[in-house]
């Protein structure tokens, strides 16, 4: 007794009817992902183009506030000046309090680049002990130094 499997002859019925293998790509998941990305880009493009608006507080320019705060100058010769007038290190705190009042909290320190670090450190320590916040004055690299050509 003979028994045939798969329609006999070893060939499948599907291959006989279709004539070839199924080689189509399912693009539905690809289209779904592309549409989701398109929606995300459409929503975020507005924020990326214009940025976030932040309303920062308005303050006076630094030039105006520099005139109101004490400026301690320390040239390379080691002498100490308070707003252009020579003062000793021991008399620095009383001179600041006398000239600017007890409410002064900060001091600008402008030191020459060739000033000995030890002298500058003593001035910073004295101002810190007196309770002042020391702000070091620097100059941007692209601006010319006064008096040089």
Protein backbone atom coordinates (compact mmCIF):
# COMPACT_ATOMS: atom_id res chain seq x y z
CA UNK A 1 0.00 0.00 0.00
CA UNK A 2 1.43 3.33 -0.96
CA UNK A 3 0.96 6.43 1.07
CA UNK A 4 1.58 9.82 -0.39
CA UNK A 5 2.43 12.84 1.68
CA UNK A 6 1.97 16.45 0.54
CA UNK A 7 0.03 15.68 -2.55
CA UNK A 8 2.53 13.15 -3.82
CA UNK A 9 5.68 13.65 -5.80
CA UNK A 10 7.45 15.66 -3.05
CA UNK A 11 6.23 19.01 -4.29
CA UNK A 12 4.06 21.23 -2.15
CA UNK A 13 0.79 22.54 -3.39
CA UNK A 14 1.67 26.10 -2.46
CA UNK A 15 4.76 26.13 -4.63
CA UNK A 16 2.92 24.73 -7.52
CA UNK A 17 0.25 27.42 -7.35
CA UNK A 18 2.44 30.50 -6.53
CA UNK A 19 5.36 29.67 -8.67
CA UNK A 20 7.98 31.19 -6.25
CA UNK A 21 8.83 32.08 -2.66
CA UNK A 22 7.26 34.96 -0.76
CA UNK A 23 9.83 37.82 -0.66
CA UNK A 24 7.83 40.94 0.16
CA UNK A 25 8.95 43.31 2.97
CA UNK A 26 6.38 44.39 5.52
CA UNK A 27 6.69 48.21 5.55
CA UNK A 28 3.91 48.91 8.02
CA UNK A 29 6.18 49.09 11.14
CA UNK A 30 8.64 51.26 9.20
CA UNK A 31 5.89 53.71 8.19
CA UNK A 32 4.63 53.84 11.79
CA UNK A 33 8.08 54.73 13.12
CA UNK A 34 8.63 57.38 10.43
CA UNK A 35 5.29 59.02 11.18
CA UNK A 36 6.00 59.13 14.92
CA UNK A 37 9.42 60.70 14.28
CA UNK A 38 7.84 63.23 11.92
CA UNK A 39 5.34 64.27 14.59
CA UNK A 40 8.11 64.61 17.20
CA UNK A 41 10.22 66.78 14.90
CA UNK A 42 7.24 68.95 13.98
CA UNK A 43 6.52 69.62 17.65
CA UNK A 44 10.12 70.27 18.72
CA UNK A 45 11.14 72.31 15.65
CA UNK A 46 9.38 75.38 17.02
CA UNK A 47 11.35 75.26 20.28
CA UNK A 48 14.66 74.64 18.51
CA UNK A 49 14.14 77.53 16.07
CA UNK A 50 13.21 80.23 18.55
CA UNK A 51 14.74 78.91 21.77
CA UNK A 52 13.36 79.44 25.23
CA UNK A 53 12.64 82.98 26.30
CA UNK A 54 14.04 83.85 29.71
CA UNK A 55 13.36 87.24 31.22
CA UNK A 56 16.56 88.03 33.11
CA UNK A 57 16.62 90.77 35.74
CA UNK A 58 17.92 94.17 34.70
CA UNK A 59 21.02 95.42 36.52
CA UNK A 60 23.20 98.51 36.32
CA UNK A 61 26.34 98.24 34.19
CA UNK A 62 29.55 97.29 35.95
CA UNK A 63 31.11 100.69 35.24
CA UNK A 64 28.51 102.44 37.42
CA UNK A 65 28.79 99.95 40.26
CA UNK A 66 32.61 100.04 40.15
CA UNK A 67 32.52 103.71 41.09
CA UNK A 68 30.38 102.99 44.15
CA UNK A 69 32.55 100.19 45.52
CA UNK A 70 36.05 100.62 46.91
CA UNK A 71 38.87 99.82 44.48
CA UNK A 72 42.11 98.71 46.07
CA UNK A 73 45.01 99.04 43.62
CA UNK A 74 48.26 97.16 44.05
CA UNK A 75 50.90 98.15 41.46
CA UNK A 76 54.11 96.21 40.94
CA UNK A 77 56.05 98.50 43.31
CA UNK A 78 54.03 97.09 46.25
CA UNK A 79 52.33 100.31 47.40
CA UNK A 80 48.63 100.10 48.28
CA UNK A 81 46.03 102.58 46.98
CA UNK A 82 42.37 103.00 47.87
CA UNK A 83 40.58 104.70 44.96
CA UNK A 84 43.80 106.46 43.93
CA UNK A 85 44.96 107.56 47.41
CA UNK A 86 47.85 105.79 49.09
CA UNK A 87 46.97 103.85 52.23
CA UNK A 88 48.82 101.38 54.46
CA UNK A 89 47.73 97.78 54.92
CA UNK A 90 46.92 98.34 58.62
CA UNK A 91 44.72 101.36 57.85
CA UNK A 92 42.87 99.71 54.96
CA UNK A 93 39.70 98.64 56.81
CA UNK A 94 39.20 101.97 58.69
CA UNK A 95 39.79 103.90 55.46
CA UNK A 96 37.17 101.84 53.59
CA UNK A 97 34.63 102.18 56.41
CA UNK A 98 35.27 105.94 56.72
CA UNK A 99 34.98 106.60 53.00
CA UNK A 100 32.23 104.16 51.97
CA UNK A 101 30.33 103.44 55.19
CA UNK A 102 29.79 100.31 57.25
CA UNK A 103 27.38 98.78 54.75
CA UNK A 104 30.12 98.13 52.16
CA UNK A 105 30.39 94.40 51.63
CA UNK A 106 32.62 94.07 48.58
CA UNK A 107 35.94 95.47 47.40
CA UNK A 108 37.54 95.38 43.97
CA UNK A 109 41.22 94.40 44.04
CA UNK A 110 43.20 95.48 41.00
CA UNK A 111 46.75 94.09 41.06
CA UNK A 112 49.49 94.38 38.47
CA UNK A 113 50.48 91.10 36.82
CA UNK A 114 54.06 91.56 38.05
CA UNK A 115 53.02 92.10 41.68
CA UNK A 116 54.64 89.70 44.12
CA UNK A 117 52.08 87.07 45.09
CA UNK A 118 52.94 87.26 48.79
CA UNK A 119 52.00 90.95 48.97
CA UNK A 120 48.74 90.31 47.11
CA UNK A 121 47.94 87.38 49.39
CA UNK A 122 48.44 89.59 52.46
CA UNK A 123 46.04 92.20 51.05
CA UNK A 124 43.42 89.55 50.22
CA UNK A 125 43.77 88.04 53.70
CA UNK A 126 43.43 91.46 55.37
CA UNK A 127 40.32 92.31 53.34
CA UNK A 128 38.82 88.88 54.07
CA UNK A 129 39.48 89.21 57.79
CA UNK A 130 37.83 92.65 57.72
CA UNK A 131 34.68 90.99 56.34
CA UNK A 132 34.83 92.22 52.76
CA UNK A 133 34.13 90.13 49.69
CA UNK A 134 37.21 90.45 47.44
CA UNK A 135 36.52 90.76 43.70
CA UNK A 136 39.63 90.49 41.55
CA UNK A 137 39.68 92.80 38.52
CA UNK A 138 40.84 91.23 35.27
CA UNK A 139 41.01 92.37 31.69
CA UNK A 140 39.82 90.35 28.67
CA UNK A 141 42.61 89.22 26.35
CA UNK A 142 41.24 90.99 23.28
CA UNK A 143 41.22 94.49 24.82
CA UNK A 144 44.41 96.57 24.69
CA UNK A 145 46.17 97.54 27.90
CA UNK A 146 46.17 101.28 28.68
CA UNK A 147 49.47 102.95 27.91
CA UNK A 148 50.77 100.20 25.59
CA UNK A 149 50.96 100.33 21.82
